[in-house]
PDB file of N, CA and C in Angstrom:
ATOM      1  N   MET A   1       0.611  -5.446  34.476  1.00  0.00           N
ATOM      2  CA  MET A   1      -0.437  -6.046  33.677  1.00  0.00           C
ATOM      3  C   MET A   1      -0.097  -5.913  32.195  1.00  0.00           C
ATOM      4  N   ARG A   2      -0.158  -7.000  31.480  1.00  0.00           N
ATOM      5  CA  ARG A   2       0.162  -6.987  30.051  1.00  0.00           C
ATOM      6  C   ARG A   2      -1.067  -6.611  29.249  1.00  0.00           C
ATOM      7  N   THR A   3      -0.842  -5.821  28.225  1.00  0.00           N
ATOM      8  CA  THR A   3      -1.952  -5.474  27.336  1.00  0.00           C
ATOM      9  C   THR A   3      -2.118  -6.587  26.316  1.00  0.00           C
ATOM     10  N   PRO A   4      -3.343  -6.908  25.955  1.00  0.00           N
ATOM     11  CA  PRO A   4      -3.552  -7.980  24.975  1.00  0.00           C
ATOM     12  C   PRO A   4      -3.014  -7.582  23.611  1.00  0.00           C
ATOM     13  N   LYS A   5      -2.522  -8.571  22.901  1.00  0.00           N
ATOM     14  CA  LYS A   5      -2.007  -8.354  21.563  1.00  0.00           C
ATOM     15  C   LYS A   5      -3.166  -8.040  20.620  1.00  0.00           C
ATOM     16  N   PRO A   6      -3.041  -6.995  19.780  1.00  0.00           N
ATOM     17  CA  PRO A   6      -4.153  -6.667  18.886  1.00  0.00           C
ATOM     18  C   PRO A   6      -4.380  -7.782  17.865  1.00  0.00           C
ATOM     19  N   GLN A   7      -5.626  -8.038  17.576  1.00  0.00           N
ATOM     20  CA  GLN A   7      -5.981  -9.059  16.602  1.00  0.00           C
ATOM     21  C   GLN A   7      -5.844  -8.485  15.201  1.00  0.00           C
ATOM     22  N   LYS A   8      -5.351  -9.305  14.272  1.00  0.00           N
ATOM     23  CA  LYS A   8      -5.283  -8.870  12.884  1.00  0.00           C
ATOM     24  C   LYS A   8      -6.678  -8.886  12.300  1.00  0.00           C
ATOM     25  N   LYS A   9      -6.951  -7.929  11.436  1.00  0.00           N
ATOM     26  CA  LYS A   9      -8.250  -7.898  10.786  1.00  0.00           C
ATOM     27  C   LYS A   9      -8.351  -9.055   9.819  1.00  0.00           C
ATOM     28  N   LYS A  10      -9.523  -9.616   9.731  1.00  0.00           N
ATOM     29  CA  LYS A  10      -9.746 -10.744   8.833  1.00  0.00           C
ATOM     30  C   LYS A  10     -10.545 -10.273   7.638  1.00  0.00           C
ATOM     31  N   ILE A  11     -10.162 -10.752   6.476  1.00  0.00           N
ATOM     32  CA  ILE A  11     -10.890 -10.411   5.261  1.00  0.00           C
ATOM     33  C   ILE A  11     -11.399 -11.694   4.623  1.00  0.00           C
ATOM     34  N   LYS A  12     -12.466 -11.581   3.872  1.00  0.00           N
ATOM     35  CA  LYS A  12     -13.032 -12.757   3.215  1.00  0.00           C
ATOM     36  C   LYS A  12     -12.447 -12.900   1.821  1.00  0.00           C
ATOM     37  N   LEU A  13     -11.949 -14.075   1.540  1.00  0.00           N
ATOM     38  CA  LEU A  13     -11.459 -14.418   0.221  1.00  0.00           C
ATOM     39  C   LEU A  13     -12.097 -15.737  -0.171  1.00  0.00           C
ATOM     40  N   ASP A  14     -12.878 -15.732  -1.220  1.00  0.00           N
ATOM     41  CA  ASP A  14     -13.532 -16.959  -1.691  1.00  0.00           C
ATOM     42  C   ASP A  14     -14.301 -17.656  -0.572  1.00  0.00           C
ATOM     43  N   SER A  15     -15.076 -16.902   0.162  1.00  0.00           N
ATOM     44  CA  SER A  15     -15.935 -17.356   1.258  1.00  0.00           C
ATOM     45  C   SER A  15     -15.179 -17.970   2.438  1.00  0.00           C
ATOM     46  N   LYS A  16     -13.849 -17.899   2.435  1.00  0.00           N
ATOM     47  CA  LYS A  16     -13.061 -18.318   3.583  1.00  0.00           C
ATOM     48  C   LYS A  16     -12.586 -17.060   4.290  1.00  0.00           C
ATOM     49  N   VAL A  17     -12.431 -17.111   5.580  1.00  0.00           N
ATOM     50  CA  VAL A  17     -11.896 -15.978   6.321  1.00  0.00           C
ATOM     51  C   VAL A  17     -10.403 -16.207   6.499  1.00  0.00           C
ATOM     52  N   GLU A  18      -9.603 -15.271   6.014  1.00  0.00           N
ATOM     53  CA  GLU A  18      -8.160 -15.376   6.111  1.00  0.00           C
ATOM     54  C   GLU A  18      -7.587 -14.080   6.660  1.00  0.00           C
ATOM     55  N   THR A  19      -6.460 -14.183   7.309  1.00  0.00           N
ATOM     56  CA  THR A  19      -5.730 -13.010   7.755  1.00  0.00           C
ATOM     57  C   THR A  19      -4.588 -12.783   6.781  1.00  0.00           C
ATOM     58  N   VAL A  20      -4.532 -11.587   6.208  1.00  0.00           N
ATOM     59  CA  VAL A  20      -3.491 -11.275   5.234  1.00  0.00           C
ATOM     60  C   VAL A  20      -2.675 -10.097   5.773  1.00  0.00           C
ATOM     61  N   PRO A  21      -1.391 -10.303   6.027  1.00  0.00           N
ATOM     62  CA  PRO A  21      -0.561  -9.204   6.521  1.00  0.00           C
ATOM     63  C   PRO A  21      -0.433  -8.090   5.477  1.00  0.00           C
ATOM     64  N   PHE A  22      -0.338  -6.852   5.964  1.00  0.00           N
ATOM     65  CA  PHE A  22      -0.235  -5.680   5.096  1.00  0.00           C
ATOM     66  C   PHE A  22       0.959  -5.806   4.151  1.00  0.00           C
ATOM     67  N   ALA A  23       2.087  -6.286   4.650  1.00  0.00           N
ATOM     68  CA  ALA A  23       3.285  -6.423   3.810  1.00  0.00           C
ATOM     69  C   ALA A  23       3.023  -7.363   2.633  1.00  0.00           C
ATOM     70  N   ASP A  24       2.268  -8.425   2.847  1.00  0.00           N
ATOM     71  CA  ASP A  24       1.951  -9.363   1.764  1.00  0.00           C
ATOM     72  C   ASP A  24       1.042  -8.715   0.724  1.00  0.00           C
ATOM     73  N   LEU A  25       0.111  -7.876   1.181  1.00  0.00           N
ATOM     74  CA  LEU A  25      -0.756  -7.171   0.239  1.00  0.00           C
ATOM     75  C   LEU A  25       0.060  -6.212  -0.620  1.00  0.00           C
ATOM     76  N   LEU A  26       1.034  -5.536  -0.019  1.00  0.00           N
ATOM     77  CA  LEU A  26       1.888  -4.627  -0.787  1.00  0.00           C
ATOM     78  C   LEU A  26       2.752  -5.395  -1.785  1.00  0.00           C
ATOM     79  N   LYS A  27       3.310  -6.540  -1.377  1.00  0.00           N
ATOM     80  CA  LYS A  27       4.145  -7.349  -2.272  1.00  0.00           C
ATOM     81  C   LYS A  27       3.343  -7.896  -3.446  1.00  0.00           C
ATOM     82  N   PHE A  28       2.067  -8.166  -3.219  1.00  0.00           N
ATOM     83  CA  PHE A  28       1.232  -8.763  -4.255  1.00  0.00           C
ATOM     84  C   PHE A  28       1.160  -7.885  -5.503  1.00  0.00           C
ATOM     85  N   MET A  29       1.050  -6.565  -5.301  1.00  0.00           N
ATOM     86  CA  MET A  29       0.858  -5.670  -6.450  1.00  0.00           C
ATOM     87  C   MET A  29       1.998  -5.761  -7.470  1.00  0.00           C
ATOM     88  N   PRO A  30       3.271  -5.628  -7.082  1.00  0.00           N
ATOM     89  CA  PRO A  30       4.317  -5.741  -8.104  1.00  0.00           C
ATOM     90  C   PRO A  30       4.612  -7.181  -8.528  1.00  0.00           C
ATOM     91  N   GLU A  31       4.445  -8.137  -7.634  1.00  0.00           N
ATOM     92  CA  GLU A  31       4.827  -9.506  -7.957  1.00  0.00           C
ATOM     93  C   GLU A  31       3.768 -10.264  -8.753  1.00  0.00           C
ATOM     94  N   HIS A  32       2.481  -9.929  -8.568  1.00  0.00           N
ATOM     95  CA  HIS A  32       1.433 -10.723  -9.209  1.00  0.00           C
ATOM     96  C   HIS A  32       0.401  -9.893  -9.971  1.00  0.00           C
ATOM     97  N   ASP A  33       0.397  -8.578  -9.775  1.00  0.00           N
ATOM     98  CA  ASP A  33      -0.638  -7.743 -10.382  1.00  0.00           C
ATOM     99  C   ASP A  33      -0.085  -6.786 -11.430  1.00  0.00           C
ATOM    100  N   GLY A  34       1.200  -6.834 -11.691  1.00  0.00           N
ATOM    101  CA  GLY A  34       1.785  -6.042 -12.771  1.00  0.00           C
ATOM    102  C   GLY A  34       2.155  -4.613 -12.419  1.00  0.00           C
ATOM    103  N   LEU A  35       2.179  -4.246 -11.153  1.00  0.00           N
ATOM    104  CA  LEU A  35       2.558  -2.877 -10.782  1.00  0.00           C
ATOM    105  C   LEU A  35       4.049  -2.674 -11.035  1.00  0.00           C
ATOM    106  N   ALA A  36       4.371  -1.590 -11.716  1.00  0.00           N
ATOM    107  CA  ALA A  36       5.757  -1.190 -11.957  1.00  0.00           C
ATOM    108  C   ALA A  36       5.860   0.300 -11.687  1.00  0.00           C
ATOM    109  N   ASP A  37       7.069   0.791 -11.513  1.00  0.00           N
ATOM    110  CA  ASP A  37       7.265   2.208 -11.224  1.00  0.00           C
ATOM    111  C   ASP A  37       6.620   3.101 -12.288  1.00  0.00           C
ATOM    112  N   GLU A  38       6.625   2.655 -13.534  1.00  0.00           N
ATOM    113  CA  GLU A  38       6.055   3.450 -14.625  1.00  0.00           C
ATOM    114  C   GLU A  38       4.552   3.653 -14.483  1.00  0.00           C
ATOM    115  N   LYS A  39       3.897   2.847 -13.700  1.00  0.00           N
ATOM    116  CA  LYS A  39       2.442   2.946 -13.511  1.00  0.00           C
ATOM    117  C   LYS A  39       2.061   3.797 -12.298  1.00  0.00           C
ATOM    118  N   ILE A  40       3.043   4.343 -11.590  1.00  0.00           N
ATOM    119  CA  ILE A  40       2.788   5.153 -10.398  1.00  0.00           C
ATOM    120  C   ILE A  40       3.018   6.611 -10.765  1.00  0.00           C
ATOM    121  N   SER A  41       1.976   7.422 -10.671  1.00  0.00           N
ATOM    122  CA  SER A  41       2.026   8.814 -11.125  1.00  0.00           C
ATOM    123  C   SER A  41       3.149   9.622 -10.483  1.00  0.00           C
ATOM    124  N   VAL A  42       3.289   9.545  -9.178  1.00  0.00           N
ATOM    125  CA  VAL A  42       4.298  10.362  -8.507  1.00  0.00           C
ATOM    126  C   VAL A  42       5.709   9.938  -8.915  1.00  0.00           C
ATOM    127  N   ILE A  43       5.926   8.689  -9.220  1.00  0.00           N
ATOM    128  CA  ILE A  43       7.242   8.214  -9.660  1.00  0.00           C
ATOM    129  C   ILE A  43       7.506   8.688 -11.088  1.00  0.00           C
ATOM    130  N   ARG A  44       6.508   8.610 -11.953  1.00  0.00           N
ATOM    131  CA  ARG A  44       6.668   9.130 -13.321  1.00  0.00           C
ATOM    132  C   ARG A  44       6.982  10.620 -13.299  1.00  0.00           C
ATOM    133  N   ARG A  45       6.281  11.349 -12.445  1.00  0.00           N
ATOM    134  CA  ARG A  45       6.426  12.807 -12.403  1.00  0.00           C
ATOM    135  C   ARG A  45       7.744  13.234 -11.754  1.00  0.00           C
ATOM    136  N   CYS A  46       8.144  12.583 -10.677  1.00  0.00           N
ATOM    137  CA  CYS A  46       9.287  13.051  -9.885  1.00  0.00           C
ATOM    138  C   CYS A  46      10.525  12.162  -9.981  1.00  0.00           C
ATOM    139  N   GLY A  47      10.368  10.956 -10.528  1.00  0.00           N
ATOM    140  CA  GLY A  47      11.492  10.033 -10.601  1.00  0.00           C
ATOM    141  C   GLY A  47      11.601   9.181  -9.346  1.00  0.00           C
ATOM    142  N   GLY A  48      12.574   8.324  -9.345  1.00  0.00           N
ATOM    143  CA  GLY A  48      12.789   7.455  -8.189  1.00  0.00           C
ATOM    144  C   GLY A  48      12.183   6.081  -8.402  1.00  0.00           C
ATOM    145  N   THR A  49      12.012   5.370  -7.312  1.00  0.00           N
ATOM    146  CA  THR A  49      11.449   4.029  -7.357  1.00  0.00           C
ATOM    147  C   THR A  49      10.560   3.810  -6.131  1.00  0.00           C
ATOM    148  N   ALA A  50       9.594   2.953  -6.278  1.00  0.00           N
ATOM    149  CA  ALA A  50       8.726   2.606  -5.158  1.00  0.00           C
ATOM    150  C   ALA A  50       8.600   1.101  -5.013  1.00  0.00           C
ATOM    151  N   VAL A  51       8.773   0.371  -6.096  1.00  0.00           N
ATOM    152  CA  VAL A  51       8.518  -1.079  -6.081  1.00  0.00           C
ATOM    153  C   VAL A  51       9.385  -1.787  -5.053  1.00  0.00           C
ATOM    154  N   GLY A  52      10.645  -1.437  -4.934  1.00  0.00           N
ATOM    155  CA  GLY A  52      11.525  -2.067  -3.946  1.00  0.00           C
ATOM    156  C   GLY A  52      11.061  -1.846  -2.519  1.00  0.00           C
ATOM    157  N   PHE A  53      10.430  -0.689  -2.265  1.00  0.00           N
ATOM    158  CA  PHE A  53       9.909  -0.409  -0.926  1.00  0.00           C
ATOM    159  C   PHE A  53       8.613  -1.172  -0.663  1.00  0.00           C
ATOM    160  N   LEU A  54       7.930  -1.608  -1.719  1.00  0.00           N
ATOM    161  CA  LEU A  54       6.720  -2.414  -1.555  1.00  0.00           C
ATOM    162  C   LEU A  54       7.071  -3.872  -1.307  1.00  0.00           C
ATOM    163  N   THR A  55       8.071  -4.370  -2.039  1.00  0.00           N
ATOM    164  CA  THR A  55       8.438  -5.781  -1.920  1.00  0.00           C
ATOM    165  C   THR A  55       9.314  -6.071  -0.712  1.00  0.00           C
ATOM    166  N   GLY A  56       9.925  -5.031  -0.142  1.00  0.00           N
ATOM    167  CA  GLY A  56      10.813  -5.226   0.993  1.00  0.00           C
ATOM    168  C   GLY A  56      12.269  -5.343   0.606  1.00  0.00           C
ATOM    169  N   GLU A  57      12.575  -5.238  -0.701  1.00  0.00           N
ATOM    170  CA  GLU A  57      13.966  -5.293  -1.140  1.00  0.00           C
ATOM    171  C   GLU A  57      14.739  -4.074  -0.645  1.00  0.00           C
ATOM    172  N   LEU A  58      14.072  -2.923  -0.557  1.00  0.00           N
ATOM    173  CA  LEU A  58      14.680  -1.705  -0.034  1.00  0.00           C
ATOM    174  C   LEU A  58      14.121  -1.457   1.361  1.00  0.00           C
ATOM    175  N   LYS A  59      14.979  -1.001   2.252  1.00  0.00           N
ATOM    176  CA  LYS A  59      14.574  -0.795   3.646  1.00  0.00           C
ATOM    177  C   LYS A  59      14.653   0.679   4.005  1.00  0.00           C
ATOM    178  N   PRO A  60      13.823   1.196   4.856  1.00  0.00           N
ATOM    179  CA  PRO A  60      12.681   0.515   5.440  1.00  0.00           C
ATOM    180  C   PRO A  60      11.559   0.396   4.419  1.00  0.00           C
ATOM    181  N   SER A  61      10.918  -0.755   4.401  1.00  0.00           N
ATOM    182  CA  SER A  61       9.817  -0.978   3.456  1.00  0.00           C
ATOM    183  C   SER A  61       8.625  -0.116   3.859  1.00  0.00           C
ATOM    184  N   LEU A  62       7.677   0.011   2.957  1.00  0.00           N
ATOM    185  CA  LEU A  62       6.473   0.782   3.263  1.00  0.00           C
ATOM    186  C   LEU A  62       5.722   0.158   4.442  1.00  0.00           C
ATOM    187  N   ALA A  63       5.710  -1.165   4.513  1.00  0.00           N
ATOM    188  CA  ALA A  63       5.066  -1.847   5.641  1.00  0.00           C
ATOM    189  C   ALA A  63       5.809  -1.541   6.943  1.00  0.00           C
ATOM    190  N   ASP A  64       7.153  -1.484   6.914  1.00  0.00           N
ATOM    191  CA  ASP A  64       7.931  -1.132   8.107  1.00  0.00           C
ATOM    192  C   ASP A  64       7.612   0.286   8.565  1.00  0.00           C
ATOM    193  N   ARG A  65       7.520   1.212   7.597  1.00  0.00           N
ATOM    194  CA  ARG A  65       7.186   2.597   7.935  1.00  0.00           C
ATOM    195  C   ARG A  65       5.797   2.673   8.564  1.00  0.00           C
ATOM    196  N   ARG A  66       4.849   1.943   7.988  1.00  0.00           N
ATOM    197  CA  ARG A  66       3.489   1.932   8.522  1.00  0.00           C
ATOM    198  C   ARG A  66       3.481   1.388   9.940  1.00  0.00           C
ATOM    199  N   ASN A  67       4.182   0.286  10.172  1.00  0.00           N
ATOM    200  CA  ASN A  67       4.203  -0.325  11.496  1.00  0.00           C
ATOM    201  C   ASN A  67       4.847   0.594  12.528  1.00  0.00           C
ATOM    202  N   SER A  68       5.923   1.276  12.142  1.00  0.00           N
ATOM    203  CA  SER A  68       6.570   2.216  13.071  1.00  0.00           C
ATOM    204  C   SER A  68       5.622   3.343  13.447  1.00  0.00           C
ATOM    205  N   ALA A  69       4.935   3.888  12.456  1.00  0.00           N
ATOM    206  CA  ALA A  69       4.007   4.993  12.727  1.00  0.00           C
ATOM    207  C   ALA A  69       2.793   4.522  13.517  1.00  0.00           C
ATOM    208  N   ALA A  70       2.275   3.358  13.185  1.00  0.00           N
ATOM    209  CA  ALA A  70       1.056   2.871  13.829  1.00  0.00           C
ATOM    210  C   ALA A  70       1.281   2.424  15.266  1.00  0.00           C
ATOM    211  N   HIS A  71       2.486   1.973  15.558  1.00  0.00           N
ATOM    212  CA  HIS A  71       2.739   1.435  16.889  1.00  0.00           C
ATOM    213  C   HIS A  71       3.582   2.359  17.756  1.00  0.00           C
ATOM    214  N   GLY A  72       3.656   3.630  17.366  1.00  0.00           N
ATOM    215  CA  GLY A  72       4.201   4.649  18.234  1.00  0.00           C
ATOM    216  C   GLY A  72       5.696   4.693  18.384  1.00  0.00           C
ATOM    217  N   ASP A  73       6.446   4.663  17.299  1.00  0.00           N
ATOM    218  CA  ASP A  73       7.882   4.861  17.362  1.00  0.00           C
ATOM    219  C   ASP A  73       8.137   6.354  17.570  1.00  0.00           C
ATOM    220  N   PRO A  74       8.498   6.770  18.779  1.00  0.00           N
ATOM    221  CA  PRO A  74       8.600   8.204  19.062  1.00  0.00           C
ATOM    222  C   PRO A  74       9.840   8.868  18.479  1.00  0.00           C
ATOM    223  N   PHE A  75      10.801   8.105  17.984  1.00  0.00           N
ATOM    224  CA  PHE A  75      12.060   8.688  17.539  1.00  0.00           C
ATOM    225  C   PHE A  75      12.188   8.816  16.032  1.00  0.00           C
ATOM    226  N   ASP A  76      11.270   8.259  15.287  1.00  0.00           N
ATOM    227  CA  ASP A  76      11.389   8.341  13.834  1.00  0.00           C
ATOM    228  C   ASP A  76      10.047   8.681  13.215  1.00  0.00           C
ATOM    229  N   GLY A  77       9.410   9.704  13.722  1.00  0.00           N
ATOM    230  CA  GLY A  77       8.104  10.073  13.214  1.00  0.00           C
ATOM    231  C   GLY A  77       8.141  11.231  12.251  1.00  0.00           C
ATOM    232  N   SER A  78       9.318  11.533  11.701  1.00  0.00           N
ATOM    233  CA  SER A  78       9.415  12.675  10.807  1.00  0.00           C
ATOM    234  C   SER A  78       8.736  12.377   9.475  1.00  0.00           C
ATOM    235  N   PRO A  79       8.166  13.407   8.854  1.00  0.00           N
ATOM    236  CA  PRO A  79       7.479  13.181   7.584  1.00  0.00           C
ATOM    237  C   PRO A  79       8.457  12.793   6.473  1.00  0.00           C
ATOM    238  N   ILE A  80       7.978  11.991   5.566  1.00  0.00           N
ATOM    239  CA  ILE A  80       8.771  11.529   4.434  1.00  0.00           C
ATOM    240  C   ILE A  80       8.211  12.195   3.186  1.00  0.00           C
ATOM    241  N   GLY A  81       9.039  12.912   2.445  1.00  0.00           N
ATOM    242  CA  GLY A  81       8.578  13.614   1.253  1.00  0.00           C
ATOM    243  C   GLY A  81       7.987  12.668   0.224  1.00  0.00           C
ATOM    244  N   GLY A  82       6.797  12.974  -0.237  1.00  0.00           N
ATOM    245  CA  GLY A  82       6.144  12.192  -1.279  1.00  0.00           C
ATOM    246  C   GLY A  82       5.386  10.979  -0.794  1.00  0.00           C
ATOM    247  N   LEU A  83       5.431  10.694   0.500  1.00  0.00           N
ATOM    248  CA  LEU A  83       4.785   9.483   1.009  1.00  0.00           C
ATOM    249  C   LEU A  83       3.272   9.511   0.820  1.00  0.00           C
ATOM    250  N   LEU A  84       2.647  10.649   1.101  1.00  0.00           N
ATOM    251  CA  LEU A  84       1.194  10.737   0.927  1.00  0.00           C
ATOM    252  C   LEU A  84       0.801  10.571  -0.537  1.00  0.00           C
ATOM    253  N   GLU A  85       1.579  11.178  -1.438  1.00  0.00           N
ATOM    254  CA  GLU A  85       1.292  11.038  -2.862  1.00  0.00           C
ATOM    255  C   GLU A  85       1.449   9.584  -3.313  1.00  0.00           C
ATOM    256  N   LEU A  86       2.477   8.910  -2.805  1.00  0.00           N
ATOM    257  CA  LEU A  86       2.691   7.505  -3.146  1.00  0.00           C
ATOM    258  C   LEU A  86       1.522   6.654  -2.672  1.00  0.00           C
ATOM    259  N   VAL A  87       1.091   6.861  -1.445  1.00  0.00           N
ATOM    260  CA  VAL A  87      -0.030   6.082  -0.907  1.00  0.00           C
ATOM    261  C   VAL A  87      -1.289   6.344  -1.730  1.00  0.00           C
ATOM    262  N   ARG A  88      -1.542   7.609  -2.086  1.00  0.00           N
ATOM    263  CA  ARG A  88      -2.704   7.939  -2.925  1.00  0.00           C
ATOM    264  C   ARG A  88      -2.634   7.175  -4.246  1.00  0.00           C
ATOM    265  N   ASP A  89      -1.461   7.180  -4.890  1.00  0.00           N
ATOM    266  CA  ASP A  89      -1.307   6.497  -6.174  1.00  0.00           C
ATOM    267  C   ASP A  89      -1.460   4.985  -6.037  1.00  0.00           C
ATOM    268  N   LEU A  90      -1.008   4.410  -4.936  1.00  0.00           N
ATOM    269  CA  LEU A  90      -1.169   2.969  -4.715  1.00  0.00           C
ATOM    270  C   LEU A  90      -2.637   2.607  -4.504  1.00  0.00           C
ATOM    271  N   ILE A  91      -3.372   3.468  -3.804  1.00  0.00           N
ATOM    272  CA  ILE A  91      -4.804   3.230  -3.624  1.00  0.00           C
ATOM    273  C   ILE A  91      -5.513   3.315  -4.967  1.00  0.00           C
ATOM    274  N   GLU A  92      -5.152   4.312  -5.771  1.00  0.00           N
ATOM    275  CA  GLU A  92      -5.753   4.421  -7.108  1.00  0.00           C
ATOM    276  C   GLU A  92      -5.442   3.199  -7.953  1.00  0.00           C
ATOM    277  N   TYR A  93      -4.217   2.683  -7.862  1.00  0.00           N
ATOM    278  CA  TYR A  93      -3.855   1.493  -8.626  1.00  0.00           C
ATOM    279  C   TYR A  93      -4.657   0.285  -8.146  1.00  0.00           C
ATOM    280  N   ALA A  94      -4.721   0.103  -6.841  1.00  0.00           N
ATOM    281  CA  ALA A  94      -5.425  -1.061  -6.289  1.00  0.00           C
ATOM    282  C   ALA A  94      -6.918  -1.021  -6.604  1.00  0.00           C
ATOM    283  N   CYS A  95      -7.481   0.168  -6.698  1.00  0.00           N
ATOM    284  CA  CYS A  95      -8.923   0.327  -6.926  1.00  0.00           C
ATOM    285  C   CYS A  95      -9.240   0.746  -8.356  1.00  0.00           C
ATOM    286  N   ARG A  96      -8.290   0.562  -9.270  1.00  0.00           N
ATOM    287  CA  ARG A  96      -8.450   1.073 -10.638  1.00  0.00           C
ATOM    288  C   ARG A  96      -9.683   0.521 -11.351  1.00  0.00           C
ATOM    289  N   ASP A  97     -10.041  -0.713 -11.132  1.00  0.00           N
ATOM    290  CA  ASP A  97     -11.216  -1.283 -11.796  1.00  0.00           C
ATOM    291  C   ASP A  97     -12.495  -0.637 -11.272  1.00  0.00           C
ATOM    292  N   TRP A  98     -12.579  -0.425  -9.969  1.00  0.00           N
ATOM    293  CA  TRP A  98     -13.761   0.224  -9.386  1.00  0.00           C
ATOM    294  C   TRP A  98     -13.867   1.670  -9.862  1.00  0.00           C
ATOM    295  N   ILE A  99     -12.722   2.353  -9.939  1.00  0.00           N
ATOM    296  CA  ILE A  99     -12.722   3.748 -10.395  1.00  0.00           C
ATOM    297  C   ILE A  99     -13.171   3.824 -11.844  1.00  0.00           C
ATOM    298  N   ALA A 100     -12.651   2.947 -12.688  1.00  0.00           N
ATOM    299  CA  ALA A 100     -13.059   2.928 -14.103  1.00  0.00           C
ATOM    300  C   ALA A 100     -14.533   2.618 -14.257  1.00  0.00           C
ATOM    301  N   GLU A 101     -15.024   1.676 -13.469  1.00  0.00           N
ATOM    302  CA  GLU A 101     -16.448   1.327 -13.524  1.00  0.00           C
ATOM    303  C   GLU A 101     -17.318   2.511 -13.109  1.00  0.00           C
ATOM    304  N   ALA A 102     -16.919   3.214 -12.066  1.00  0.00           N
ATOM    305  CA  ALA A 102     -17.698   4.378 -11.601  1.00  0.00           C
ATOM    306  C   ALA A 102     -17.674   5.488 -12.638  1.00  0.00           C
ATOM    307  N   ARG A 103     -16.507   5.698 -13.269  1.00  0.00           N
ATOM    308  CA  ARG A 103     -16.410   6.740 -14.304  1.00  0.00           C
ATOM    309  C   ARG A 103     -17.268   6.399 -15.517  1.00  0.00           C
ATOM    310  N   SER A 104     -17.249   5.143 -15.926  1.00  0.00           N
ATOM    311  CA  SER A 104     -18.054   4.777 -17.093  1.00  0.00           C
ATOM    312  C   SER A 104     -19.552   4.851 -16.772  1.00  0.00           C
ATOM    313  N   ALA A 105     -19.924   4.545 -15.544  1.00  0.00           N
ATOM    314  CA  ALA A 105     -21.327   4.641 -15.149  1.00  0.00           C
ATOM    315  C   ALA A 105     -21.807   6.093 -15.156  1.00  0.00           C
ATOM    316  N   ARG A 106     -20.883   7.023 -14.895  1.00  0.00           N
ATOM    317  CA  ARG A 106     -21.227   8.443 -14.920  1.00  0.00           C
ATOM    318  C   ARG A 106     -21.047   9.048 -16.304  1.00  0.00           C
ATOM    319  N   GLY A 107     -20.539   8.289 -17.246  1.00  0.00           N
ATOM    320  CA  GLY A 107     -20.339   8.792 -18.597  1.00  0.00           C
ATOM    321  C   GLY A 107     -19.038   9.550 -18.783  1.00  0.00           C
ATOM    322  N   GLU A 108     -18.109   9.433 -17.832  1.00  0.00           N
ATOM    323  CA  GLU A 108     -16.800  10.075 -17.948  1.00  0.00           C
ATOM    324  C   GLU A 108     -15.875   9.165 -18.728  1.00  0.00           C
ATOM    325  N   SER A 109     -14.843   9.749 -19.304  1.00  0.00           N
ATOM    326  CA  SER A 109     -13.878   8.922 -20.047  1.00  0.00           C
ATOM    327  C   SER A 109     -12.693   8.572 -19.211  1.00  0.00           C
TER     328      SER A 109
END
């Protein structure tokens, strides 16, 4: 018996429902939103690069790593140094406007 293929989550964009692959969302930040290595805290602090892993120029890309972990690759599940910090910094970058708005509403600088 075959298991059904999981459905991609749908998000609303301009009142239309669209499916956006995770890899495309990651590529969007450096290609269209101005993300550069200098804007990522863990990269500034420790050196290295992350943008190539977001766009897919460097392999395995962050989307490839996510897919391997999410879909049960039993042979390559070892932890990657700095990965959690990178993901935290990417979330902060993606949500920077909401974070700034919340801080200003609380009177923080």
